[in-house]
Amino acid sequence: MTHLGKLFTDGPNASAGATRLRALILGTGVGPPPAGSAVELDTLALVGRLAYCAYRDYQQGRPTWGTGTAQASMLLSPPGGSGFELGAVTHATAILLIRAMIAGADAAGPIGSVERQDLLKRLRHAGLEGGARHFLGCEFDKPASVAELARAVRSPAEGAQVFTAARIAMDPVRSDGRAFLVALAARLGISNRLAAHINAAARSTGR
């Protein structure tokens, strides 16, 4: 099972990100929010906060975070007007982040047809309506390319979040997706230093 599949999977062996990623798809306009929708913003908040903290530390010349040492500042919401706050996330941005996650996960290890059907079945049982499942099925069939993701980005802040979304959907111990991330960074204008900050921030949360 790919890292993305583990993120969607419930049960005793589910990853810590299972509820977050499924809630991202169910709760950002792609489908109806799940019951107890306080969790529906978890993944959006995580992507925004990781990207913001990495971008801020990069601009201020701070060192990258150490593995397993998530900083308290990550828990703070990005300030209004920064472009990283939840209020800046539109429906189109949420769709773009989902596409980036699927593309990143596929780059690190193709999503097989059996796994894809299992994911869609779980989402259907969770209440995802048919049109949204069709959209996701199309994305699984043909994940967005680096060029397609880059063309949809409207700002540096959004670009950093797209890169972050792709990164956290990958299994951090695999090297298969590195070429994808390098190409994505180049198209988004993300420097090696900023990419290193984002990668370190993702690692600090176990991703």
Protein backbone atom coordinates (compact mmCIF):
# COMPACT_ATOMS: atom_id res chain seq x y z
CA MET A 1 0.00 0.00 0.00
CA THR A 2 1.35 3.46 -0.86
CA HIS A 3 1.79 6.23 1.70
CA LEU A 4 -1.32 7.96 0.36
CA GLY A 5 -3.30 4.77 0.86
CA LYS A 6 -2.17 4.59 4.47
CA LEU A 7 -3.31 8.17 4.97
CA PHE A 8 -6.82 7.21 3.90
CA THR A 9 -6.99 3.97 5.85
CA ASP A 10 -8.87 3.70 9.13
CA GLY A 11 -8.31 1.10 11.80
CA PRO A 12 -5.61 0.17 14.31
CA ASN A 13 -2.85 0.34 11.70
CA ALA A 14 -3.92 3.68 10.21
CA SER A 15 -1.35 6.45 10.02
CA ALA A 16 -1.75 9.55 12.13
CA GLY A 17 -2.77 11.48 9.02
CA ALA A 18 -5.69 9.22 8.06
CA THR A 19 -8.50 11.40 9.36
CA ARG A 20 -6.81 14.61 8.26
CA LEU A 21 -6.38 13.73 4.60
CA ARG A 22 -9.81 12.17 4.22
CA ALA A 23 -11.31 15.21 5.97
CA LEU A 24 -9.49 17.46 3.53
CA ILE A 25 -11.30 15.77 0.64
CA LEU A 26 -14.65 15.56 2.41
CA GLY A 27 -14.63 18.96 4.04
CA THR A 28 -13.34 21.59 1.61
CA GLY A 29 -16.10 21.78 -0.97
CA VAL A 30 -15.25 18.62 -2.87
CA GLY A 31 -17.84 16.78 -0.82
CA PRO A 32 -19.90 17.18 2.36
CA PRO A 33 -18.04 17.70 5.64
CA PRO A 34 -17.81 14.68 7.91
CA ALA A 35 -19.64 14.47 11.20
CA GLY A 36 -17.73 16.36 13.84
CA SER A 37 -16.36 18.72 11.25
CA ALA A 38 -13.92 20.32 13.67
CA VAL A 39 -11.37 17.92 12.17
CA GLU A 40 -12.13 18.88 8.57
CA LEU A 41 -9.58 21.68 8.56
CA ASP A 42 -6.74 19.68 10.09
CA THR A 43 -4.89 18.90 6.87
CA LEU A 44 -5.43 22.35 5.39
CA ALA A 45 -4.17 23.86 8.63
CA LEU A 46 -1.19 21.50 8.70
CA VAL A 47 -0.17 22.31 5.12
CA GLY A 48 -0.56 26.05 5.70
CA ARG A 49 1.33 26.08 8.99
CA LEU A 50 4.18 23.90 7.77
CA ALA A 51 4.55 25.95 4.60
CA TYR A 52 4.32 29.25 6.50
CA CYS A 53 6.86 28.30 9.16
CA ALA A 54 9.27 26.93 6.56
CA TYR A 55 8.86 30.04 4.39
CA ARG A 56 9.31 32.37 7.36
CA ASP A 57 12.40 30.57 8.64
CA TYR A 58 13.85 30.51 5.12
CA GLN A 59 13.35 34.25 4.71
CA GLN A 60 14.83 34.98 8.14
CA GLY A 61 17.87 32.77 7.57
CA ARG A 62 17.06 30.38 10.39
CA PRO A 63 18.34 26.78 10.44
CA THR A 64 16.09 23.94 9.35
CA TRP A 65 14.22 21.97 12.00
CA GLY A 66 15.66 18.75 13.35
CA THR A 67 13.97 15.41 12.74
CA GLY A 68 11.30 14.70 15.32
CA THR A 69 11.52 18.15 16.88
CA ALA A 70 8.35 19.91 15.81
CA GLN A 71 8.51 23.50 16.94
CA ALA A 72 5.87 25.18 19.11
CA SER A 73 5.58 27.89 16.45
CA MET A 74 4.04 25.31 14.11
CA LEU A 75 0.97 25.31 16.34
CA LEU A 76 0.38 29.00 15.67
CA SER A 77 -1.93 29.99 12.83
CA PRO A 78 -0.26 31.99 10.05
CA PRO A 79 -1.13 35.69 10.35
CA GLY A 80 -3.89 37.19 8.26
CA GLY A 81 -2.69 38.54 4.95
CA SER A 82 0.25 36.16 4.78
CA GLY A 83 -1.44 34.00 2.16
CA PHE A 84 -0.94 30.91 4.32
CA GLU A 85 -3.91 31.37 6.65
CA LEU A 86 -7.01 29.20 6.34
CA GLY A 87 -9.07 32.18 5.27
CA ALA A 88 -6.94 32.43 2.12
CA VAL A 89 -7.75 28.85 1.08
CA THR A 90 -10.42 28.93 -1.60
CA HIS A 91 -12.27 25.95 -3.06
CA ALA A 92 -9.87 26.06 -6.01
CA THR A 93 -6.87 26.05 -3.66
CA ALA A 94 -8.23 23.05 -1.75
CA ILE A 95 -8.71 21.16 -5.03
CA LEU A 96 -5.16 22.06 -6.06
CA LEU A 97 -3.75 20.78 -2.78
CA ILE A 98 -5.63 17.49 -3.20
CA ARG A 99 -4.27 17.16 -6.74
CA ALA A 100 -0.75 17.86 -5.43
CA MET A 101 -1.13 15.16 -2.76
CA ILE A 102 -2.31 12.58 -5.27
CA ALA A 103 0.43 13.51 -7.76
CA GLY A 104 3.11 13.41 -5.08
CA ALA A 105 1.96 10.06 -3.72
CA ASP A 106 1.79 8.59 -7.24
CA ALA A 107 5.29 9.85 -8.04
CA ALA A 108 6.66 8.05 -4.98
CA GLY A 109 4.84 4.83 -5.85
CA PRO A 110 1.99 4.38 -8.37
CA ILE A 111 -1.47 3.96 -6.84
CA GLY A 112 -2.69 0.55 -8.02
CA SER A 113 -6.20 -0.05 -9.30
CA VAL A 114 -7.16 -2.25 -6.33
CA GLU A 115 -5.94 0.34 -3.83
CA ARG A 116 -7.65 3.14 -5.75
CA GLN A 117 -10.98 1.33 -5.69
CA ASP A 118 -10.56 0.67 -1.98
CA LEU A 119 -9.90 4.37 -1.33
CA LEU A 120 -12.95 5.43 -3.34
CA LYS A 121 -15.07 2.83 -1.57
CA ARG A 122 -14.01 4.19 1.81
CA LEU A 123 -14.77 7.74 0.69
CA ARG A 124 -18.19 6.69 -0.63
CA HIS A 125 -19.01 5.10 2.73
CA ALA A 126 -17.86 8.31 4.41
CA GLY A 127 -20.43 10.27 2.39
CA LEU A 128 -18.49 11.55 -0.62
CA GLU A 129 -20.93 12.16 -3.47
CA GLY A 130 -20.60 10.69 -6.93
CA GLY A 131 -19.31 13.74 -8.77
CA ALA A 132 -16.48 14.20 -6.31
CA ARG A 133 -15.60 10.50 -6.45
CA HIS A 134 -15.49 10.76 -10.24
CA PHE A 135 -13.10 13.71 -9.98
CA LEU A 136 -10.83 11.79 -7.61
CA GLY A 137 -11.00 8.71 -9.82
CA CYS A 138 -9.81 10.80 -12.77
CA GLU A 139 -6.96 12.19 -10.66
CA PHE A 140 -5.93 8.67 -9.63
CA ASP A 141 -6.07 7.56 -13.27
CA LYS A 142 -4.02 10.49 -14.49
CA PRO A 143 -2.33 12.45 -11.69
CA ALA A 144 -1.49 16.06 -12.41
CA SER A 145 1.90 16.72 -13.94
CA VAL A 146 4.43 19.15 -12.51
CA ALA A 147 3.55 21.60 -15.27
CA GLU A 148 -0.19 21.36 -14.59
CA LEU A 149 0.26 21.97 -10.88
CA ALA A 150 2.60 24.89 -11.47
CA ARG A 151 0.25 26.55 -13.98
CA ALA A 152 -2.54 26.55 -11.37
CA VAL A 153 -0.46 28.33 -8.71
CA ARG A 154 -1.28 32.01 -8.24
CA SER A 155 1.24 33.17 -5.63
CA PRO A 156 4.49 32.21 -3.88
CA ALA A 157 2.51 31.30 -0.75
CA GLU A 158 0.26 28.97 -2.73
CA GLY A 159 3.29 27.48 -4.44
CA ALA A 160 4.90 26.69 -1.10
CA GLN A 161 1.70 25.01 0.04
CA VAL A 162 1.44 22.93 -3.15
CA PHE A 163 5.01 21.76 -2.65
CA THR A 164 4.26 20.99 1.01
CA ALA A 165 1.10 19.06 0.12
CA ALA A 166 2.99 16.91 -2.38
CA ARG A 167 5.76 16.30 0.13
CA ILE A 168 3.58 15.17 3.05
CA ALA A 169 1.75 12.67 0.81
CA MET A 170 5.02 10.83 0.21
CA ASP A 171 6.57 8.15 2.37
CA PRO A 172 9.63 9.97 3.74
CA VAL A 173 11.80 6.83 3.63
CA ARG A 174 11.37 6.37 -0.14
CA SER A 175 13.53 8.13 -2.70
CA ASP A 176 11.23 7.53 -5.69
CA GLY A 177 9.50 10.90 -5.43
CA ARG A 178 12.62 13.05 -5.15
CA ALA A 179 12.84 13.72 -8.89
CA PHE A 180 9.20 14.83 -8.83
CA LEU A 181 9.84 17.23 -5.95
CA VAL A 182 12.97 18.63 -7.60
CA ALA A 183 11.06 19.26 -10.83
CA LEU A 184 8.11 20.76 -8.94
CA ALA A 185 10.38 23.08 -6.97
CA ALA A 186 12.04 24.26 -10.17
CA ARG A 187 8.71 25.04 -11.85
CA LEU A 188 7.41 26.82 -8.74
CA GLY A 189 10.57 28.85 -8.25
CA ILE A 190 11.27 27.22 -4.89
CA SER A 191 14.97 27.34 -4.07
CA ASN A 192 16.94 24.42 -2.70
CA ARG A 193 17.07 26.14 0.70
CA LEU A 194 13.33 26.68 0.88
CA ALA A 195 12.70 23.11 -0.25
CA ALA A 196 15.04 21.93 2.51
CA HIS A 197 13.08 23.96 5.08
CA ILE A 198 9.77 22.48 3.89
CA ASN A 199 11.18 18.96 3.89
CA ALA A 200 12.59 19.39 7.40
CA ALA A 201 9.29 20.79 8.66
CA ALA A 202 7.44 17.81 7.18
CA ARG A 203 9.92 15.37 8.74
CA SER A 204 9.52 17.05 12.12
CA THR A 205 5.87 15.95 12.16
CA GLY A 206 6.70 12.38 11.18
CA ARG A 207 5.93 12.79 7.46
